[in-house]
Amino acid sequence: MAGTGMTDPNLQSENLRLAEQVRVFSGDEHVRREAAPWRDATPAERVAETWRLCALVPWFRSLWPEDVRARADAPEPLPASTLAILERLKQAGSGK
């Protein structure tokens, strides 16, 4: 890979590491572990935790490099076909 500074063995090793992370985090056992504390939580407790996590977004964004923040602030527009689907779903949900 020209210009990346990574040699093929490094890239292969990194790809294997990332593939393992995907396998672990997308597995049923991980989902069960993450959901376990919330099984007996009240709706109010769940909403409170959601708001707490949302409050962390500015801090997470502050960790991003400037170019990543710029891309997040100006995301690629959705294709017209996707917007049409979302509009139909919105109208169906509002009973119109």
N, C-alpha and C. Protein backbone atom coordinates (compact mmCIF):
# COMPACT_ATOMS: atom_id res chain seq x y z
N MET A 1 0.85 -1.18 0.00
CA MET A 1 0.00 0.00 0.00
C MET A 1 0.89 1.23 0.00
N ALA A 2 0.99 1.84 -1.13
CA ALA A 2 1.86 3.00 -1.27
C ALA A 2 1.33 4.17 -0.46
N GLY A 3 2.25 4.82 0.24
CA GLY A 3 1.91 6.04 0.94
C GLY A 3 1.27 5.86 2.31
N THR A 4 0.97 4.65 2.72
CA THR A 4 0.32 4.48 4.02
C THR A 4 1.32 4.29 5.13
N GLY A 5 2.55 3.90 4.79
CA GLY A 5 3.55 3.66 5.81
C GLY A 5 3.40 2.31 6.48
N MET A 6 2.37 1.56 6.14
CA MET A 6 2.16 0.22 6.72
C MET A 6 2.62 -0.83 5.72
N THR A 7 3.34 -1.78 6.22
CA THR A 7 3.73 -2.88 5.36
C THR A 7 2.61 -3.90 5.34
N ASP A 8 2.64 -4.78 4.36
CA ASP A 8 1.58 -5.78 4.23
C ASP A 8 1.36 -6.59 5.50
N PRO A 9 2.43 -7.10 6.16
CA PRO A 9 2.19 -7.87 7.40
C PRO A 9 1.48 -7.04 8.47
N ASN A 10 1.83 -5.77 8.59
CA ASN A 10 1.16 -4.91 9.58
C ASN A 10 -0.31 -4.73 9.24
N LEU A 11 -0.59 -4.53 7.96
CA LEU A 11 -1.97 -4.35 7.53
C LEU A 11 -2.77 -5.63 7.77
N GLN A 12 -2.18 -6.75 7.44
CA GLN A 12 -2.87 -8.03 7.66
C GLN A 12 -3.13 -8.26 9.14
N SER A 13 -2.15 -7.94 9.96
CA SER A 13 -2.32 -8.10 11.41
C SER A 13 -3.42 -7.19 11.93
N GLU A 14 -3.44 -5.94 11.46
CA GLU A 14 -4.48 -5.00 11.89
C GLU A 14 -5.86 -5.46 11.43
N ASN A 15 -5.95 -5.95 10.20
CA ASN A 15 -7.24 -6.45 9.70
C ASN A 15 -7.73 -7.64 10.52
N LEU A 16 -6.83 -8.53 10.91
CA LEU A 16 -7.21 -9.67 11.74
C LEU A 16 -7.71 -9.20 13.11
N ARG A 17 -7.01 -8.22 13.68
CA ARG A 17 -7.41 -7.67 14.99
C ARG A 17 -8.80 -7.04 14.89
N LEU A 18 -9.03 -6.27 13.83
CA LEU A 18 -10.34 -5.62 13.66
C LEU A 18 -11.44 -6.65 13.40
N ALA A 19 -11.13 -7.68 12.64
CA ALA A 19 -12.12 -8.74 12.38
C ALA A 19 -12.51 -9.43 13.68
N GLU A 20 -11.55 -9.64 14.56
CA GLU A 20 -11.84 -10.27 15.85
C GLU A 20 -12.72 -9.36 16.70
N GLN A 21 -12.47 -8.06 16.67
CA GLN A 21 -13.31 -7.13 17.41
C GLN A 21 -14.74 -7.16 16.89
N VAL A 22 -14.89 -7.19 15.59
CA VAL A 22 -16.24 -7.26 15.00
C VAL A 22 -16.93 -8.53 15.45
N ARG A 23 -16.21 -9.65 15.43
CA ARG A 23 -16.80 -10.93 15.84
C ARG A 23 -17.26 -10.86 17.29
N VAL A 24 -16.43 -10.35 18.17
CA VAL A 24 -16.76 -10.29 19.60
C VAL A 24 -17.93 -9.35 19.86
N PHE A 25 -17.86 -8.14 19.31
CA PHE A 25 -18.87 -7.14 19.61
C PHE A 25 -20.20 -7.40 18.91
N SER A 26 -20.22 -8.21 17.88
CA SER A 26 -21.48 -8.49 17.20
C SER A 26 -22.09 -9.82 17.65
N GLY A 27 -21.43 -10.50 18.55
CA GLY A 27 -21.94 -11.79 19.01
C GLY A 27 -23.07 -11.66 20.01
N ASP A 28 -23.89 -12.69 20.07
CA ASP A 28 -25.04 -12.71 20.99
C ASP A 28 -24.61 -12.57 22.44
N GLU A 29 -23.49 -13.19 22.79
CA GLU A 29 -23.04 -13.15 24.18
C GLU A 29 -22.72 -11.73 24.61
N HIS A 30 -22.09 -10.97 23.74
CA HIS A 30 -21.78 -9.57 24.06
C HIS A 30 -23.07 -8.77 24.27
N VAL A 31 -24.03 -8.98 23.40
CA VAL A 31 -25.31 -8.27 23.52
C VAL A 31 -25.99 -8.64 24.84
N ARG A 32 -25.99 -9.92 25.19
CA ARG A 32 -26.60 -10.34 26.46
C ARG A 32 -25.91 -9.70 27.66
N ARG A 33 -24.57 -9.65 27.63
CA ARG A 33 -23.81 -9.04 28.72
C ARG A 33 -24.13 -7.55 28.85
N GLU A 34 -24.19 -6.87 27.73
CA GLU A 34 -24.46 -5.43 27.75
C GLU A 34 -25.89 -5.13 28.20
N ALA A 35 -26.83 -5.98 27.83
CA ALA A 35 -28.24 -5.75 28.15
C ALA A 35 -28.60 -6.19 29.57
N ALA A 36 -27.83 -7.07 30.16
CA ALA A 36 -28.16 -7.65 31.46
C ALA A 36 -28.50 -6.61 32.53
N PRO A 37 -27.73 -5.56 32.71
CA PRO A 37 -28.05 -4.60 33.78
C PRO A 37 -29.38 -3.87 33.57
N TRP A 38 -29.90 -3.88 32.34
CA TRP A 38 -31.10 -3.11 32.03
C TRP A 38 -32.37 -3.94 32.01
N ARG A 39 -32.25 -5.23 32.20
CA ARG A 39 -33.44 -6.09 32.14
C ARG A 39 -34.48 -5.69 33.18
N ASP A 40 -34.03 -5.36 34.38
CA ASP A 40 -34.97 -5.03 35.46
C ASP A 40 -35.07 -3.53 35.71
N ALA A 41 -34.46 -2.72 34.86
CA ALA A 41 -34.51 -1.27 35.05
C ALA A 41 -35.88 -0.72 34.68
N THR A 42 -36.25 0.33 35.36
CA THR A 42 -37.52 0.98 35.04
C THR A 42 -37.34 1.84 33.78
N PRO A 43 -38.44 2.19 33.13
CA PRO A 43 -38.31 3.09 31.98
C PRO A 43 -37.61 4.40 32.35
N ALA A 44 -37.90 4.93 33.53
CA ALA A 44 -37.27 6.18 33.96
C ALA A 44 -35.75 6.00 34.10
N GLU A 45 -35.32 4.87 34.62
CA GLU A 45 -33.88 4.61 34.74
C GLU A 45 -33.23 4.50 33.37
N ARG A 46 -33.92 3.88 32.44
CA ARG A 46 -33.38 3.74 31.09
C ARG A 46 -33.26 5.10 30.40
N VAL A 47 -34.29 5.93 30.56
CA VAL A 47 -34.25 7.27 29.95
C VAL A 47 -33.14 8.10 30.59
N ALA A 48 -33.00 8.01 31.90
CA ALA A 48 -31.95 8.77 32.59
C ALA A 48 -30.57 8.36 32.08
N GLU A 49 -30.35 7.09 31.87
CA GLU A 49 -29.06 6.62 31.36
C GLU A 49 -28.85 7.08 29.92
N THR A 50 -29.91 7.09 29.14
CA THR A 50 -29.80 7.57 27.76
C THR A 50 -29.37 9.03 27.76
N TRP A 51 -30.00 9.86 28.60
CA TRP A 51 -29.62 11.27 28.68
C TRP A 51 -28.19 11.43 29.17
N ARG A 52 -27.78 10.61 30.12
CA ARG A 52 -26.40 10.69 30.63
C ARG A 52 -25.41 10.41 29.50
N LEU A 53 -25.69 9.37 28.71
CA LEU A 53 -24.80 9.02 27.61
C LEU A 53 -24.80 10.10 26.53
N CYS A 54 -25.98 10.67 26.26
CA CYS A 54 -26.05 11.75 25.26
C CYS A 54 -25.21 12.95 25.70
N ALA A 55 -25.16 13.20 27.00
CA ALA A 55 -24.39 14.32 27.51
C ALA A 55 -22.89 14.13 27.28
N LEU A 56 -22.46 12.90 27.02
CA LEU A 56 -21.04 12.63 26.77
C LEU A 56 -20.61 12.93 25.33
N VAL A 57 -21.58 13.15 24.45
CA VAL A 57 -21.25 13.35 23.03
C VAL A 57 -20.26 14.49 22.82
N PRO A 58 -20.46 15.66 23.41
CA PRO A 58 -19.47 16.73 23.18
C PRO A 58 -18.05 16.33 23.58
N TRP A 59 -17.93 15.60 24.66
CA TRP A 59 -16.60 15.16 25.08
C TRP A 59 -16.00 14.20 24.06
N PHE A 60 -16.79 13.22 23.60
CA PHE A 60 -16.28 12.30 22.58
C PHE A 60 -15.87 13.06 21.33
N ARG A 61 -16.71 14.00 20.90
CA ARG A 61 -16.38 14.78 19.70
C ARG A 61 -15.09 15.56 19.88
N SER A 62 -14.82 16.00 21.09
CA SER A 62 -13.60 16.77 21.33
C SER A 62 -12.34 15.91 21.14
N LEU A 63 -12.50 14.60 21.20
CA LEU A 63 -11.36 13.70 21.01
C LEU A 63 -11.04 13.47 19.53
N TRP A 64 -12.00 13.80 18.67
CA TRP A 64 -11.82 13.56 17.24
C TRP A 64 -10.86 14.57 16.64
N PRO A 65 -10.08 14.15 15.64
CA PRO A 65 -9.28 15.12 14.89
C PRO A 65 -10.21 16.11 14.17
N GLU A 66 -9.69 17.27 13.85
CA GLU A 66 -10.49 18.33 13.23
C GLU A 66 -11.16 17.88 11.94
N ASP A 67 -10.46 17.09 11.11
CA ASP A 67 -11.05 16.66 9.84
C ASP A 67 -12.23 15.72 10.06
N VAL A 68 -12.18 14.92 11.11
CA VAL A 68 -13.29 14.01 11.42
C VAL A 68 -14.49 14.82 11.90
N ARG A 69 -14.24 15.81 12.76
CA ARG A 69 -15.34 16.67 13.22
C ARG A 69 -15.98 17.40 12.05
N ALA A 70 -15.16 17.88 11.12
CA ALA A 70 -15.70 18.59 9.96
C ALA A 70 -16.59 17.68 9.12
N ARG A 71 -16.18 16.43 8.95
CA ARG A 71 -17.01 15.48 8.19
C ARG A 71 -18.31 15.18 8.93
N ALA A 72 -18.24 15.08 10.24
CA ALA A 72 -19.45 14.80 11.03
C ALA A 72 -20.40 16.00 10.99
N ASP A 73 -19.85 17.19 10.94
CA ASP A 73 -20.69 18.40 10.90
C ASP A 73 -21.33 18.62 9.54
N ALA A 74 -20.74 18.05 8.50
CA ALA A 74 -21.27 18.21 7.14
C ALA A 74 -21.35 16.83 6.48
N PRO A 75 -22.26 15.98 6.97
CA PRO A 75 -22.32 14.62 6.43
C PRO A 75 -22.79 14.62 4.98
N GLU A 76 -22.50 13.54 4.30
CA GLU A 76 -22.96 13.38 2.92
C GLU A 76 -24.49 13.34 2.94
N PRO A 77 -25.12 14.03 1.99
CA PRO A 77 -26.59 14.01 1.95
C PRO A 77 -27.11 12.61 1.63
N LEU A 78 -28.27 12.31 2.17
CA LEU A 78 -28.89 11.02 1.87
C LEU A 78 -29.38 11.00 0.43
N PRO A 79 -29.31 9.84 -0.20
CA PRO A 79 -29.84 9.75 -1.57
C PRO A 79 -31.35 10.03 -1.58
N ALA A 80 -31.84 10.53 -2.70
CA ALA A 80 -33.26 10.86 -2.83
C ALA A 80 -34.14 9.66 -2.55
N SER A 81 -33.72 8.47 -2.97
CA SER A 81 -34.53 7.27 -2.74
C SER A 81 -34.67 6.99 -1.24
N THR A 82 -33.62 7.23 -0.47
CA THR A 82 -33.67 7.03 0.98
C THR A 82 -34.59 8.07 1.62
N LEU A 83 -34.47 9.32 1.19
CA LEU A 83 -35.35 10.37 1.72
C LEU A 83 -36.81 10.06 1.43
N ALA A 84 -37.10 9.52 0.24
CA ALA A 84 -38.49 9.17 -0.11
C ALA A 84 -39.01 8.07 0.82
N ILE A 85 -38.19 7.08 1.11
CA ILE A 85 -38.59 5.99 2.02
C ILE A 85 -38.87 6.56 3.41
N LEU A 86 -37.98 7.40 3.91
CA LEU A 86 -38.17 7.99 5.23
C LEU A 86 -39.42 8.86 5.29
N GLU A 87 -39.67 9.60 4.22
CA GLU A 87 -40.87 10.44 4.18
C GLU A 87 -42.14 9.59 4.21
N ARG A 88 -42.14 8.48 3.46
CA ARG A 88 -43.30 7.58 3.48
C ARG A 88 -43.50 6.98 4.87
N LEU A 89 -42.42 6.58 5.52
CA LEU A 89 -42.53 6.02 6.87
C LEU A 89 -43.07 7.06 7.85
N LYS A 90 -42.59 8.29 7.71
CA LYS A 90 -43.06 9.37 8.58
C LYS A 90 -44.55 9.62 8.38
N GLN A 91 -44.98 9.66 7.13
CA GLN A 91 -46.40 9.89 6.84
C GLN A 91 -47.26 8.72 7.33
N ALA A 92 -46.76 7.50 7.16
CA ALA A 92 -47.51 6.32 7.62
C ALA A 92 -47.64 6.34 9.15
N GLY A 93 -46.61 6.81 9.82
CA GLY A 93 -46.65 6.86 11.28
C GLY A 93 -47.55 7.94 11.83
N SER A 94 -47.75 9.00 11.04
CA SER A 94 -48.60 10.08 11.53
C SER A 94 -50.05 9.90 11.09
N GLY A 95 -50.33 8.81 10.36
CA GLY A 95 -51.70 8.52 9.95
C GLY A 95 -52.20 9.32 8.77
N LYS A 96 -51.29 9.96 8.06
CA LYS A 96 -51.70 10.80 6.91
C LYS A 96 -51.80 9.97 5.65
